Amino acid sequence: MAGDESELLASLRAGDEAAFTRLVSDWSRPMLTVARGFVSTEASAEEVVQETWLAVIKGLDRFEGRSLLRTWVFRILVNTAKTRGVKEHKTLPWSTVAGEDSGPSLDPALFQAEGEPHPGGWRAAPAAWPDELAVEGSVLAGEVRGELQSAIDTLPDRQRIVLTLRDVLGHTAEEVCEMLEISQGNQRVLLHRARTAVRAGLAAYLEGS
């Protein structure tokens, strides 16, 4: 484990309320986003997040550090959400990428390939915003974050979950495939379609600004 994470884990195990509160504040929103894709209501997703945090507290002493703490927490979350989703008769067809997950696609050449520094990442960053858009500073940044979140929220469930795990939380492709029990191919397609949709939504917003 990295030094910072070892320190965080030690603080949590020692009952450091400030450390736990910070963790809950930083991770609960993306946890809710992921959980919502598996269950029927927002309230149910909130309960999944609460159950996950309780399980984390109870299981901290058994966590062996073979993975990142964040990965361990989100595995608990996904398993908890899956179990509740089955009880609520809501299931996601993870074995296929057809149906609701069809959508626009971009030229694969725009993305880095396997073996490159950032597989799946853009080869070139989006064009810089016009100077006039930067004048508003933090206000504009807040607006863009809001548009970004809106674009993510409107994605189909599976795309939203994969994008959140990969691009918001920084999990590796292997971790996401393991957590969601999907193939590398499915993961790549879902992530590509999600990134395409979000980028298109932001482009439309910036062009209209």
N, C-alpha and C. Protein backbone atom coordinates (compact mmCIF):
# COMPACT_ATOMS: atom_id res chain seq x y z
N MET A 1 0.83 -1.19 0.00
CA MET A 1 0.00 0.00 0.00
C MET A 1 0.87 1.24 0.00
N ALA A 2 0.42 2.30 -0.67
CA ALA A 2 1.14 3.57 -0.68
C ALA A 2 1.12 4.17 0.71
N GLY A 3 2.12 5.05 0.95
CA GLY A 3 2.23 5.63 2.28
C GLY A 3 0.99 6.38 2.73
N ASP A 4 0.44 7.23 1.86
CA ASP A 4 -0.74 8.00 2.23
C ASP A 4 -1.90 7.10 2.58
N GLU A 5 -2.08 6.03 1.82
CA GLU A 5 -3.20 5.14 2.10
C GLU A 5 -2.97 4.36 3.40
N SER A 6 -1.74 3.99 3.67
CA SER A 6 -1.43 3.30 4.93
C SER A 6 -1.77 4.20 6.11
N GLU A 7 -1.44 5.49 5.98
CA GLU A 7 -1.74 6.44 7.04
C GLU A 7 -3.24 6.62 7.20
N LEU A 8 -3.95 6.69 6.08
CA LEU A 8 -5.40 6.83 6.13
C LEU A 8 -6.02 5.62 6.81
N LEU A 9 -5.59 4.43 6.42
CA LEU A 9 -6.13 3.21 7.01
C LEU A 9 -5.86 3.16 8.51
N ALA A 10 -4.65 3.55 8.91
CA ALA A 10 -4.30 3.57 10.33
C ALA A 10 -5.21 4.53 11.09
N SER A 11 -5.48 5.69 10.48
CA SER A 11 -6.36 6.67 11.12
C SER A 11 -7.77 6.13 11.28
N LEU A 12 -8.25 5.46 10.24
CA LEU A 12 -9.60 4.91 10.29
C LEU A 12 -9.70 3.83 11.36
N ARG A 13 -8.69 2.97 11.41
CA ARG A 13 -8.71 1.89 12.40
C ARG A 13 -8.58 2.42 13.82
N ALA A 14 -7.96 3.59 13.96
CA ALA A 14 -7.81 4.20 15.27
C ALA A 14 -9.05 4.98 15.70
N GLY A 15 -10.06 5.00 14.82
CA GLY A 15 -11.30 5.69 15.15
C GLY A 15 -11.27 7.18 14.91
N ASP A 16 -10.42 7.63 14.00
CA ASP A 16 -10.32 9.05 13.68
C ASP A 16 -11.58 9.50 12.94
N GLU A 17 -12.46 10.20 13.64
CA GLU A 17 -13.74 10.61 13.06
C GLU A 17 -13.56 11.59 11.92
N ALA A 18 -12.56 12.46 12.01
CA ALA A 18 -12.34 13.44 10.95
C ALA A 18 -11.94 12.75 9.65
N ALA A 19 -11.09 11.72 9.76
CA ALA A 19 -10.66 10.99 8.57
C ALA A 19 -11.84 10.26 7.94
N PHE A 20 -12.67 9.67 8.77
CA PHE A 20 -13.82 8.93 8.24
C PHE A 20 -14.83 9.90 7.62
N THR A 21 -15.06 11.03 8.26
CA THR A 21 -15.99 12.02 7.73
C THR A 21 -15.51 12.53 6.37
N ARG A 22 -14.21 12.76 6.24
CA ARG A 22 -13.65 13.23 4.97
C ARG A 22 -13.84 12.18 3.88
N LEU A 23 -13.63 10.92 4.24
CA LEU A 23 -13.79 9.84 3.28
C LEU A 23 -15.23 9.74 2.80
N VAL A 24 -16.16 9.81 3.75
CA VAL A 24 -17.58 9.75 3.42
C VAL A 24 -17.96 10.91 2.51
N SER A 25 -17.45 12.10 2.82
CA SER A 25 -17.75 13.29 2.01
C SER A 25 -17.21 13.15 0.59
N ASP A 26 -16.00 12.61 0.46
CA ASP A 26 -15.36 12.51 -0.86
C ASP A 26 -15.96 11.41 -1.73
N TRP A 27 -16.37 10.31 -1.13
CA TRP A 27 -16.74 9.13 -1.91
C TRP A 27 -18.24 8.87 -2.01
N SER A 28 -19.05 9.47 -1.15
CA SER A 28 -20.47 9.08 -1.10
C SER A 28 -21.22 9.43 -2.39
N ARG A 29 -20.92 10.57 -3.00
CA ARG A 29 -21.66 10.92 -4.23
C ARG A 29 -21.39 9.93 -5.35
N PRO A 30 -20.11 9.63 -5.68
CA PRO A 30 -19.90 8.62 -6.72
C PRO A 30 -20.42 7.23 -6.31
N MET A 31 -20.39 6.92 -5.04
CA MET A 31 -20.97 5.66 -4.57
C MET A 31 -22.47 5.63 -4.87
N LEU A 32 -23.13 6.74 -4.63
CA LEU A 32 -24.57 6.82 -4.90
C LEU A 32 -24.85 6.67 -6.39
N THR A 33 -24.00 7.27 -7.22
CA THR A 33 -24.15 7.17 -8.67
C THR A 33 -24.06 5.72 -9.12
N VAL A 34 -23.08 5.00 -8.59
CA VAL A 34 -22.91 3.59 -8.96
C VAL A 34 -24.08 2.76 -8.43
N ALA A 35 -24.44 2.94 -7.18
CA ALA A 35 -25.51 2.15 -6.57
C ALA A 35 -26.84 2.36 -7.30
N ARG A 36 -27.09 3.60 -7.73
CA ARG A 36 -28.38 3.91 -8.37
C ARG A 36 -28.59 3.09 -9.64
N GLY A 37 -27.52 2.66 -10.28
CA GLY A 37 -27.68 1.87 -11.49
C GLY A 37 -28.17 0.46 -11.25
N PHE A 38 -28.08 0.01 -9.99
CA PHE A 38 -28.46 -1.37 -9.70
C PHE A 38 -29.82 -1.49 -9.01
N VAL A 39 -30.32 -0.40 -8.42
CA VAL A 39 -31.54 -0.48 -7.62
C VAL A 39 -32.62 0.40 -8.22
N SER A 40 -33.81 0.30 -7.65
CA SER A 40 -34.98 0.90 -8.29
C SER A 40 -35.22 2.37 -7.96
N THR A 41 -34.76 2.83 -6.81
CA THR A 41 -35.06 4.20 -6.40
C THR A 41 -33.83 4.87 -5.80
N GLU A 42 -33.89 6.19 -5.75
CA GLU A 42 -32.82 6.96 -5.12
C GLU A 42 -32.70 6.61 -3.65
N ALA A 43 -33.84 6.45 -2.99
CA ALA A 43 -33.82 6.10 -1.56
C ALA A 43 -33.14 4.77 -1.33
N SER A 44 -33.40 3.83 -2.20
CA SER A 44 -32.77 2.52 -2.10
C SER A 44 -31.27 2.62 -2.29
N ALA A 45 -30.84 3.45 -3.23
CA ALA A 45 -29.41 3.66 -3.47
C ALA A 45 -28.75 4.28 -2.24
N GLU A 46 -29.44 5.22 -1.60
CA GLU A 46 -28.89 5.83 -0.39
C GLU A 46 -28.73 4.79 0.71
N GLU A 47 -29.68 3.87 0.80
CA GLU A 47 -29.57 2.82 1.81
C GLU A 47 -28.40 1.88 1.50
N VAL A 48 -28.17 1.63 0.22
CA VAL A 48 -27.02 0.79 -0.17
C VAL A 48 -25.72 1.45 0.27
N VAL A 49 -25.62 2.76 0.06
CA VAL A 49 -24.41 3.49 0.46
C VAL A 49 -24.23 3.41 1.97
N GLN A 50 -25.31 3.60 2.71
CA GLN A 50 -25.23 3.52 4.17
C GLN A 50 -24.80 2.12 4.63
N GLU A 51 -25.38 1.10 4.01
CA GLU A 51 -25.02 -0.28 4.35
C GLU A 51 -23.55 -0.54 4.05
N THR A 52 -23.09 0.04 2.95
CA THR A 52 -21.68 -0.14 2.57
C THR A 52 -20.76 0.47 3.61
N TRP A 53 -21.06 1.68 4.05
CA TRP A 53 -20.20 2.32 5.05
C TRP A 53 -20.21 1.53 6.36
N LEU A 54 -21.35 0.98 6.73
CA LEU A 54 -21.40 0.15 7.94
C LEU A 54 -20.53 -1.09 7.78
N ALA A 55 -20.60 -1.69 6.59
CA ALA A 55 -19.78 -2.88 6.32
C ALA A 55 -18.29 -2.53 6.32
N VAL A 56 -17.96 -1.35 5.82
CA VAL A 56 -16.57 -0.90 5.82
C VAL A 56 -16.05 -0.75 7.24
N ILE A 57 -16.86 -0.12 8.10
CA ILE A 57 -16.45 0.07 9.49
C ILE A 57 -16.22 -1.28 10.17
N LYS A 58 -17.13 -2.21 9.95
CA LYS A 58 -17.02 -3.52 10.58
C LYS A 58 -15.85 -4.34 10.02
N GLY A 59 -15.51 -4.08 8.74
CA GLY A 59 -14.51 -4.92 8.10
C GLY A 59 -13.11 -4.34 8.02
N LEU A 60 -12.91 -3.13 8.56
CA LEU A 60 -11.61 -2.48 8.43
C LEU A 60 -10.46 -3.32 8.97
N ASP A 61 -10.69 -3.97 10.10
CA ASP A 61 -9.63 -4.77 10.71
C ASP A 61 -9.27 -5.99 9.87
N ARG A 62 -10.20 -6.41 9.02
CA ARG A 62 -9.93 -7.59 8.18
C ARG A 62 -9.37 -7.22 6.81
N PHE A 63 -9.35 -5.92 6.49
CA PHE A 63 -8.82 -5.48 5.21
C PHE A 63 -7.31 -5.67 5.20
N GLU A 64 -6.82 -6.45 4.24
CA GLU A 64 -5.41 -6.82 4.22
C GLU A 64 -4.54 -5.94 3.32
N GLY A 65 -5.15 -5.01 2.61
CA GLY A 65 -4.37 -4.10 1.79
C GLY A 65 -3.86 -4.69 0.50
N ARG A 66 -4.48 -5.76 0.03
CA ARG A 66 -4.05 -6.36 -1.24
C ARG A 66 -4.52 -5.53 -2.44
N SER A 67 -5.48 -4.66 -2.22
CA SER A 67 -5.95 -3.74 -3.24
C SER A 67 -6.02 -2.36 -2.60
N LEU A 68 -6.31 -1.34 -3.40
CA LEU A 68 -6.51 -0.02 -2.84
C LEU A 68 -7.74 -0.03 -1.93
N LEU A 69 -7.71 0.80 -0.91
CA LEU A 69 -8.85 0.90 -0.01
C LEU A 69 -10.11 1.26 -0.79
N ARG A 70 -9.96 2.20 -1.73
CA ARG A 70 -11.11 2.63 -2.55
C ARG A 70 -11.69 1.46 -3.33
N THR A 71 -10.82 0.62 -3.90
CA THR A 71 -11.28 -0.53 -4.66
C THR A 71 -12.04 -1.48 -3.76
N TRP A 72 -11.54 -1.72 -2.58
CA TRP A 72 -12.20 -2.61 -1.61
C TRP A 72 -13.58 -2.06 -1.24
N VAL A 73 -13.66 -0.76 -0.97
CA VAL A 73 -14.94 -0.14 -0.59
C VAL A 73 -15.95 -0.27 -1.72
N PHE A 74 -15.51 -0.03 -2.96
CA PHE A 74 -16.46 -0.07 -4.07
C PHE A 74 -16.85 -1.51 -4.44
N ARG A 75 -16.00 -2.47 -4.14
CA ARG A 75 -16.42 -3.86 -4.32
C ARG A 75 -17.55 -4.19 -3.37
N ILE A 76 -17.43 -3.74 -2.13
CA ILE A 76 -18.50 -3.94 -1.15
C ILE A 76 -19.77 -3.26 -1.64
N LEU A 77 -19.62 -2.04 -2.14
CA LEU A 77 -20.78 -1.29 -2.64
C LEU A 77 -21.48 -2.03 -3.77
N VAL A 78 -20.72 -2.46 -4.77
CA VAL A 78 -21.31 -3.13 -5.93
C VAL A 78 -22.00 -4.42 -5.51
N ASN A 79 -21.37 -5.20 -4.65
CA ASN A 79 -21.99 -6.45 -4.20
C ASN A 79 -23.27 -6.18 -3.43
N THR A 80 -23.25 -5.15 -2.58
CA THR A 80 -24.45 -4.79 -1.81
C THR A 80 -25.56 -4.32 -2.74
N ALA A 81 -25.20 -3.49 -3.73
CA ALA A 81 -26.19 -2.97 -4.67
C ALA A 81 -26.76 -4.08 -5.54
N LYS A 82 -25.91 -5.01 -5.97
CA LYS A 82 -26.39 -6.14 -6.78
C LYS A 82 -27.40 -6.97 -6.01
N THR A 83 -27.08 -7.26 -4.76
CA THR A 83 -27.98 -8.08 -3.93
C THR A 83 -29.33 -7.41 -3.77
N ARG A 84 -29.31 -6.12 -3.48
CA ARG A 84 -30.57 -5.40 -3.33
C ARG A 84 -31.31 -5.30 -4.65
N GLY A 85 -30.58 -5.10 -5.74
CA GLY A 85 -31.22 -5.02 -7.05
C GLY A 85 -31.95 -6.30 -7.41
N VAL A 86 -31.36 -7.43 -7.08
CA VAL A 86 -32.02 -8.71 -7.34
C VAL A 86 -33.32 -8.81 -6.53
N LYS A 87 -33.28 -8.38 -5.28
CA LYS A 87 -34.48 -8.42 -4.44
C LYS A 87 -35.56 -7.50 -4.98
N GLU A 88 -35.14 -6.40 -5.60
CA GLU A 88 -36.10 -5.46 -6.16
C GLU A 88 -36.47 -5.80 -7.60
N HIS A 89 -35.95 -6.94 -8.06
CA HIS A 89 -36.23 -7.42 -9.42
C HIS A 89 -35.71 -6.46 -10.48
N LYS A 90 -34.60 -5.76 -10.15
CA LYS A 90 -33.95 -4.92 -11.15
C LYS A 90 -32.58 -5.52 -11.44
N THR A 91 -32.36 -5.88 -12.67
CA THR A 91 -31.05 -6.43 -13.06
C THR A 91 -30.55 -5.72 -14.29
N LEU A 92 -29.23 -5.64 -14.42
CA LEU A 92 -28.61 -5.02 -15.59
C LEU A 92 -28.03 -6.12 -16.48
N PRO A 93 -28.31 -6.08 -17.79
CA PRO A 93 -27.80 -7.11 -18.70
C PRO A 93 -26.33 -6.87 -19.04
N TRP A 94 -25.44 -7.10 -18.07
CA TRP A 94 -24.04 -6.79 -18.27
C TRP A 94 -23.38 -7.66 -19.33
N SER A 95 -23.98 -8.78 -19.66
CA SER A 95 -23.33 -9.70 -20.60
C SER A 95 -23.41 -9.23 -22.05
N THR A 96 -24.14 -8.16 -22.32
CA THR A 96 -24.27 -7.67 -23.69
C THR A 96 -24.11 -6.17 -23.71
N VAL A 97 -23.70 -5.62 -24.83
CA VAL A 97 -23.58 -4.17 -24.95
C VAL A 97 -24.61 -3.63 -25.94
N ALA A 98 -25.64 -4.40 -26.20
CA ALA A 98 -26.68 -3.97 -27.13
C ALA A 98 -27.76 -3.20 -26.39
N GLY A 99 -28.81 -2.84 -27.09
CA GLY A 99 -29.96 -2.21 -26.48
C GLY A 99 -29.70 -0.79 -26.05
N GLU A 100 -29.96 -0.48 -24.78
CA GLU A 100 -29.89 0.90 -24.31
C GLU A 100 -28.48 1.47 -24.39
N ASP A 101 -27.48 0.62 -24.51
CA ASP A 101 -26.11 1.10 -24.54
C ASP A 101 -25.58 1.35 -25.94
N SER A 102 -26.45 1.24 -26.94
CA SER A 102 -26.01 1.62 -28.27
C SER A 102 -25.94 3.13 -28.34
N GLY A 103 -25.11 3.64 -29.22
CA GLY A 103 -24.99 5.09 -29.29
C GLY A 103 -23.90 5.50 -30.24
N PRO A 104 -23.64 6.80 -30.33
CA PRO A 104 -22.61 7.29 -31.26
C PRO A 104 -21.24 6.81 -30.85
N SER A 105 -20.38 6.68 -31.83
CA SER A 105 -19.02 6.24 -31.58
C SER A 105 -18.07 7.14 -32.33
N LEU A 106 -16.85 7.23 -31.83
CA LEU A 106 -15.83 8.04 -32.48
C LEU A 106 -14.75 7.15 -33.06
N ASP A 107 -13.95 7.71 -33.94
CA ASP A 107 -12.85 6.99 -34.58
C ASP A 107 -11.90 6.47 -33.50
N PRO A 108 -11.67 5.16 -33.43
CA PRO A 108 -10.77 4.59 -32.42
C PRO A 108 -9.37 5.20 -32.46
N ALA A 109 -8.98 5.76 -33.61
CA ALA A 109 -7.66 6.36 -33.72
C ALA A 109 -7.51 7.59 -32.84
N LEU A 110 -8.63 8.14 -32.36
CA LEU A 110 -8.56 9.30 -31.48
C LEU A 110 -8.10 8.93 -30.08
N PHE A 111 -8.09 7.61 -29.77
CA PHE A 111 -7.78 7.16 -28.43
C PHE A 111 -6.48 6.36 -28.42
N GLN A 112 -5.78 6.39 -27.29
CA GLN A 112 -4.56 5.62 -27.13
C GLN A 112 -4.90 4.13 -27.06
N ALA A 113 -4.04 3.32 -27.65
CA ALA A 113 -4.27 1.88 -27.70
C ALA A 113 -3.58 1.18 -26.54
N GLU A 114 -3.85 -0.13 -26.41
CA GLU A 114 -3.18 -0.94 -25.40
C GLU A 114 -1.67 -0.85 -25.60
N GLY A 115 -0.93 -0.72 -24.51
CA GLY A 115 0.51 -0.61 -24.60
C GLY A 115 1.01 0.82 -24.58
N GLU A 116 0.11 1.79 -24.81
CA GLU A 116 0.48 3.19 -24.73
C GLU A 116 0.30 3.67 -23.28
N PRO A 117 0.83 4.86 -22.96
CA PRO A 117 0.81 5.32 -21.56
C PRO A 117 -0.56 5.36 -20.91
N HIS A 118 -1.59 5.73 -21.68
CA HIS A 118 -2.94 5.85 -21.10
C HIS A 118 -3.96 5.18 -22.03
N PRO A 119 -4.01 3.84 -22.03
CA PRO A 119 -4.93 3.12 -22.92
C PRO A 119 -6.37 3.60 -22.76
N GLY A 120 -7.01 3.91 -23.89
CA GLY A 120 -8.39 4.38 -23.86
C GLY A 120 -8.51 5.88 -23.70
N GLY A 121 -7.42 6.56 -23.33
CA GLY A 121 -7.46 8.00 -23.17
C GLY A 121 -7.35 8.72 -24.50
N TRP A 122 -7.72 9.98 -24.50
CA TRP A 122 -7.65 10.77 -25.73
C TRP A 122 -6.20 10.99 -26.13
N ARG A 123 -5.90 10.90 -27.43
CA ARG A 123 -4.55 11.19 -27.91
C ARG A 123 -4.24 12.68 -27.80
N ALA A 124 -5.24 13.50 -28.03
CA ALA A 124 -5.06 14.95 -27.94
C ALA A 124 -6.14 15.51 -27.03
N ALA A 125 -5.75 16.42 -26.19
CA ALA A 125 -6.72 17.05 -25.29
C ALA A 125 -7.71 17.89 -26.08
N PRO A 126 -8.93 18.07 -25.54
CA PRO A 126 -9.89 18.95 -26.23
C PRO A 126 -9.31 20.35 -26.41
N ALA A 127 -9.80 21.04 -27.41
CA ALA A 127 -9.30 22.40 -27.68
C ALA A 127 -9.51 23.29 -26.47
N ALA A 128 -8.58 24.22 -26.27
CA ALA A 128 -8.69 25.14 -25.14
C ALA A 128 -9.94 26.01 -25.28
N TRP A 129 -10.51 26.38 -24.13
CA TRP A 129 -11.67 27.23 -24.17
C TRP A 129 -11.28 28.63 -24.64
N PRO A 130 -12.17 29.29 -25.36
CA PRO A 130 -11.89 30.68 -25.76
C PRO A 130 -11.63 31.54 -24.53
N ASP A 131 -10.79 32.59 -24.68
CA ASP A 131 -10.43 33.42 -23.54
C ASP A 131 -11.63 33.99 -22.82
N GLU A 132 -12.67 34.34 -23.59
CA GLU A 132 -13.82 34.96 -22.95
C GLU A 132 -14.52 34.02 -21.99
N LEU A 133 -14.36 32.69 -22.23
CA LEU A 133 -15.00 31.75 -21.32
C LEU A 133 -14.24 31.63 -20.01
N ALA A 134 -12.98 32.03 -20.00
CA ALA A 134 -12.17 31.89 -18.80
C ALA A 134 -12.32 33.09 -17.87
N VAL A 135 -12.96 34.15 -18.33
CA VAL A 135 -13.05 35.37 -17.55
C VAL A 135 -13.78 35.15 -16.24
N GLU A 136 -14.81 34.31 -16.29
CA GLU A 136 -15.63 34.13 -15.10
C GLU A 136 -14.94 33.28 -14.02
N GLY A 137 -13.81 32.69 -14.36
CA GLY A 137 -13.03 31.96 -13.36
C GLY A 137 -13.79 30.84 -12.69
N SER A 138 -13.84 30.89 -11.37
CA SER A 138 -14.43 29.80 -10.61
C SER A 138 -15.92 29.65 -10.87
N VAL A 139 -16.59 30.75 -11.21
CA VAL A 139 -18.03 30.67 -11.51
C VAL A 139 -18.25 29.77 -12.72
N LEU A 140 -17.48 30.01 -13.79
CA LEU A 140 -17.60 29.19 -14.99
C LEU A 140 -17.22 27.75 -14.69
N ALA A 141 -16.15 27.58 -13.90
CA ALA A 141 -15.73 26.22 -13.56
C ALA A 141 -16.86 25.48 -12.88
N GLY A 142 -17.58 26.18 -12.00
CA GLY A 142 -18.71 25.55 -11.32
C GLY A 142 -19.81 25.18 -12.30
N GLU A 143 -20.06 26.06 -13.28
CA GLU A 143 -21.08 25.78 -14.28
C GLU A 143 -20.69 24.56 -15.12
N VAL A 144 -19.42 24.49 -15.50
CA VAL A 144 -18.95 23.37 -16.32
C VAL A 144 -19.05 22.07 -15.53
N ARG A 145 -18.68 22.11 -14.26
CA ARG A 145 -18.83 20.91 -13.43
C ARG A 145 -20.28 20.46 -13.38
N GLY A 146 -21.18 21.45 -13.28
CA GLY A 146 -22.60 21.11 -13.27
C GLY A 146 -23.05 20.47 -14.56
N GLU A 147 -22.58 21.02 -15.69
CA GLU A 147 -22.91 20.44 -16.99
C GLU A 147 -22.32 19.05 -17.14
N LEU A 148 -21.10 18.88 -16.64
CA LEU A 148 -20.45 17.57 -16.70
C LEU A 148 -21.25 16.55 -15.91
N GLN A 149 -21.67 16.92 -14.70
CA GLN A 149 -22.44 15.99 -13.88
C GLN A 149 -23.78 15.69 -14.53
N SER A 150 -24.40 16.69 -15.14
CA SER A 150 -25.68 16.47 -15.83
C SER A 150 -25.51 15.50 -16.98
N ALA A 151 -24.40 15.66 -17.72
CA ALA A 151 -24.14 14.76 -18.84
C ALA A 151 -23.94 13.33 -18.36
N ILE A 152 -23.25 13.17 -17.25
CA ILE A 152 -23.04 11.83 -16.68
C ILE A 152 -24.36 11.25 -16.19
N ASP A 153 -25.18 12.08 -15.54
CA ASP A 153 -26.44 11.61 -14.97
C ASP A 153 -27.41 11.11 -16.04
N THR A 154 -27.30 11.64 -17.27
CA THR A 154 -28.25 11.25 -18.31
C THR A 154 -27.80 10.01 -19.08
N LEU A 155 -26.62 9.48 -18.78
CA LEU A 155 -26.14 8.28 -19.46
C LEU A 155 -26.98 7.07 -19.06
N PRO A 156 -27.08 6.07 -19.94
CA PRO A 156 -27.69 4.80 -19.54
C PRO A 156 -26.94 4.23 -18.34
N ASP A 157 -27.62 3.43 -17.54
CA ASP A 157 -27.06 2.95 -16.27
C ASP A 157 -25.66 2.36 -16.42
N ARG A 158 -25.49 1.45 -17.33
CA ARG A 158 -24.22 0.75 -17.43
C ARG A 158 -23.08 1.68 -17.86
N GLN A 159 -23.38 2.56 -18.79
CA GLN A 159 -22.37 3.53 -19.21
C GLN A 159 -21.99 4.43 -18.03
N ARG A 160 -22.99 4.89 -17.30
CA ARG A 160 -22.73 5.80 -16.18
C ARG A 160 -21.88 5.13 -15.10
N ILE A 161 -22.18 3.87 -14.82
CA ILE A 161 -21.43 3.15 -13.79
C ILE A 161 -19.98 2.98 -14.21
N VAL A 162 -19.76 2.54 -15.45
CA VAL A 162 -18.39 2.31 -15.91
C VAL A 162 -17.61 3.62 -15.97
N LEU A 163 -18.23 4.69 -16.50
CA LEU A 163 -17.55 5.98 -16.58
C LEU A 163 -17.20 6.49 -15.18
N THR A 164 -18.11 6.35 -14.24
CA THR A 164 -17.85 6.82 -12.88
C THR A 164 -16.69 6.06 -12.25
N LEU A 165 -16.69 4.75 -12.42
CA LEU A 165 -15.62 3.95 -11.84
C LEU A 165 -14.27 4.24 -12.50
N ARG A 166 -14.26 4.40 -13.82
CA ARG A 166 -13.00 4.60 -14.54
C ARG A 166 -12.51 6.05 -14.45
N ASP A 167 -13.35 6.99 -14.84
CA ASP A 167 -12.87 8.37 -15.03
C ASP A 167 -13.07 9.28 -13.83
N VAL A 168 -14.08 9.00 -13.01
CA VAL A 168 -14.29 9.83 -11.83
C VAL A 168 -13.45 9.31 -10.66
N LEU A 169 -13.42 7.99 -10.50
CA LEU A 169 -12.74 7.39 -9.36
C LEU A 169 -11.35 6.85 -9.68
N GLY A 170 -11.08 6.64 -10.97
CA GLY A 170 -9.74 6.22 -11.36
C GLY A 170 -9.43 4.75 -11.22
N HIS A 171 -10.45 3.89 -11.15
CA HIS A 171 -10.20 2.46 -11.11
C HIS A 171 -9.62 2.01 -12.45
N THR A 172 -8.82 0.97 -12.42
CA THR A 172 -8.27 0.42 -13.66
C THR A 172 -9.35 -0.39 -14.38
N ALA A 173 -9.10 -0.67 -15.66
CA ALA A 173 -10.03 -1.49 -16.42
C ALA A 173 -10.19 -2.86 -15.78
N GLU A 174 -9.08 -3.43 -15.30
CA GLU A 174 -9.13 -4.75 -14.68
C GLU A 174 -10.00 -4.73 -13.42
N GLU A 175 -9.86 -3.69 -12.61
CA GLU A 175 -10.67 -3.59 -11.39
C GLU A 175 -12.15 -3.49 -11.72
N VAL A 176 -12.48 -2.68 -12.74
CA VAL A 176 -13.88 -2.50 -13.12
C VAL A 176 -14.47 -3.81 -13.64
N CYS A 177 -13.71 -4.51 -14.47
CA CYS A 177 -14.19 -5.80 -14.99
C CYS A 177 -14.44 -6.79 -13.86
N GLU A 178 -13.55 -6.79 -12.87
CA GLU A 178 -13.71 -7.71 -11.74
C GLU A 178 -14.92 -7.34 -10.89
N MET A 179 -15.08 -6.05 -10.61
CA MET A 179 -16.20 -5.60 -9.78
C MET A 179 -17.54 -5.88 -10.43
N LEU A 180 -17.63 -5.60 -11.73
CA LEU A 180 -18.90 -5.70 -12.44
C LEU A 180 -19.10 -7.05 -13.13
N GLU A 181 -18.05 -7.87 -13.10
CA GLU A 181 -18.09 -9.19 -13.74
C GLU A 181 -18.44 -9.07 -15.22
N ILE A 182 -17.69 -8.23 -15.92
CA ILE A 182 -17.87 -8.05 -17.35
C ILE A 182 -16.54 -8.27 -18.05
N SER A 183 -16.60 -8.46 -19.36
CA SER A 183 -15.39 -8.69 -20.13
C SER A 183 -14.68 -7.37 -20.42
N GLN A 184 -13.40 -7.47 -20.78
CA GLN A 184 -12.66 -6.28 -21.17
C GLN A 184 -13.32 -5.61 -22.37
N GLY A 185 -13.84 -6.42 -23.30
CA GLY A 185 -14.49 -5.85 -24.48
C GLY A 185 -15.72 -5.04 -24.11
N ASN A 186 -16.57 -5.58 -23.23
CA ASN A 186 -17.76 -4.85 -22.80
C ASN A 186 -17.38 -3.56 -22.09
N GLN A 187 -16.36 -3.65 -21.25
CA GLN A 187 -15.92 -2.48 -20.50
C GLN A 187 -15.45 -1.38 -21.44
N ARG A 188 -14.69 -1.75 -22.46
CA ARG A 188 -14.17 -0.76 -23.41
C ARG A 188 -15.29 -0.09 -24.18
N VAL A 189 -16.26 -0.89 -24.64
CA VAL A 189 -17.37 -0.33 -25.43
C VAL A 189 -18.21 0.62 -24.58
N LEU A 190 -18.54 0.20 -23.37
CA LEU A 190 -19.35 1.04 -22.49
C LEU A 190 -18.64 2.34 -22.15
N LEU A 191 -17.35 2.25 -21.85
CA LEU A 191 -16.59 3.44 -21.51
C LEU A 191 -16.47 4.38 -22.72
N HIS A 192 -16.22 3.81 -23.89
CA HIS A 192 -16.08 4.62 -25.09
C HIS A 192 -17.37 5.37 -25.41
N ARG A 193 -18.49 4.68 -25.33
CA ARG A 193 -19.77 5.32 -25.63
C ARG A 193 -20.10 6.40 -24.59
N ALA A 194 -19.78 6.11 -23.33
CA ALA A 194 -20.05 7.09 -22.28
C ALA A 194 -19.20 8.34 -22.48
N ARG A 195 -17.91 8.15 -22.74
CA ARG A 195 -17.02 9.29 -22.96
C ARG A 195 -17.46 10.11 -24.17
N THR A 196 -17.90 9.43 -25.22
CA THR A 196 -18.34 10.12 -26.43
C THR A 196 -19.55 10.99 -26.13
N ALA A 197 -20.52 10.43 -25.39
CA ALA A 197 -21.74 11.17 -25.08
C ALA A 197 -21.45 12.36 -24.18
N VAL A 198 -20.60 12.18 -23.18
CA VAL A 198 -20.29 13.27 -22.25
C VAL A 198 -19.51 14.37 -22.97
N ARG A 199 -18.56 13.97 -23.79
CA ARG A 199 -17.77 14.98 -24.53
C ARG A 199 -18.68 15.76 -25.47
N ALA A 200 -19.61 15.08 -26.13
CA ALA A 200 -20.53 15.77 -27.04
C ALA A 200 -21.41 16.75 -26.27
N GLY A 201 -21.86 16.36 -25.09
CA GLY A 201 -22.69 17.24 -24.29
C GLY A 201 -21.94 18.48 -23.84
N LEU A 202 -20.70 18.32 -23.43
CA LEU A 202 -19.90 19.47 -23.01
C LEU A 202 -19.58 20.38 -24.21
N ALA A 203 -19.30 19.78 -25.35
CA ALA A 203 -19.00 20.58 -26.54
C ALA A 203 -20.19 21.44 -26.91
N ALA A 204 -21.40 20.86 -26.85
CA ALA A 204 -22.60 21.61 -27.17
C ALA A 204 -22.79 22.77 -26.20
N TYR A 205 -22.50 22.53 -24.92
CA TYR A 205 -22.64 23.59 -23.92
C TYR A 205 -21.64 24.71 -24.17
N LEU A 206 -20.38 24.36 -24.43
CA LEU A 206 -19.34 25.37 -24.62
C LEU A 206 -19.56 26.17 -25.90
N GLU A 207 -20.06 25.50 -26.93
CA GLU A 207 -20.32 26.21 -28.19
C GLU A 207 -21.45 27.21 -28.04
N GLY A 208 -22.35 26.92 -27.10
CA GLY A 208 -23.48 27.84 -26.89
C GLY A 208 -23.21 28.90 -25.85
N SER A 209 -22.02 28.82 -25.20
CA SER A 209 -21.70 29.80 -24.14
C SER A 209 -21.24 31.13 -24.73
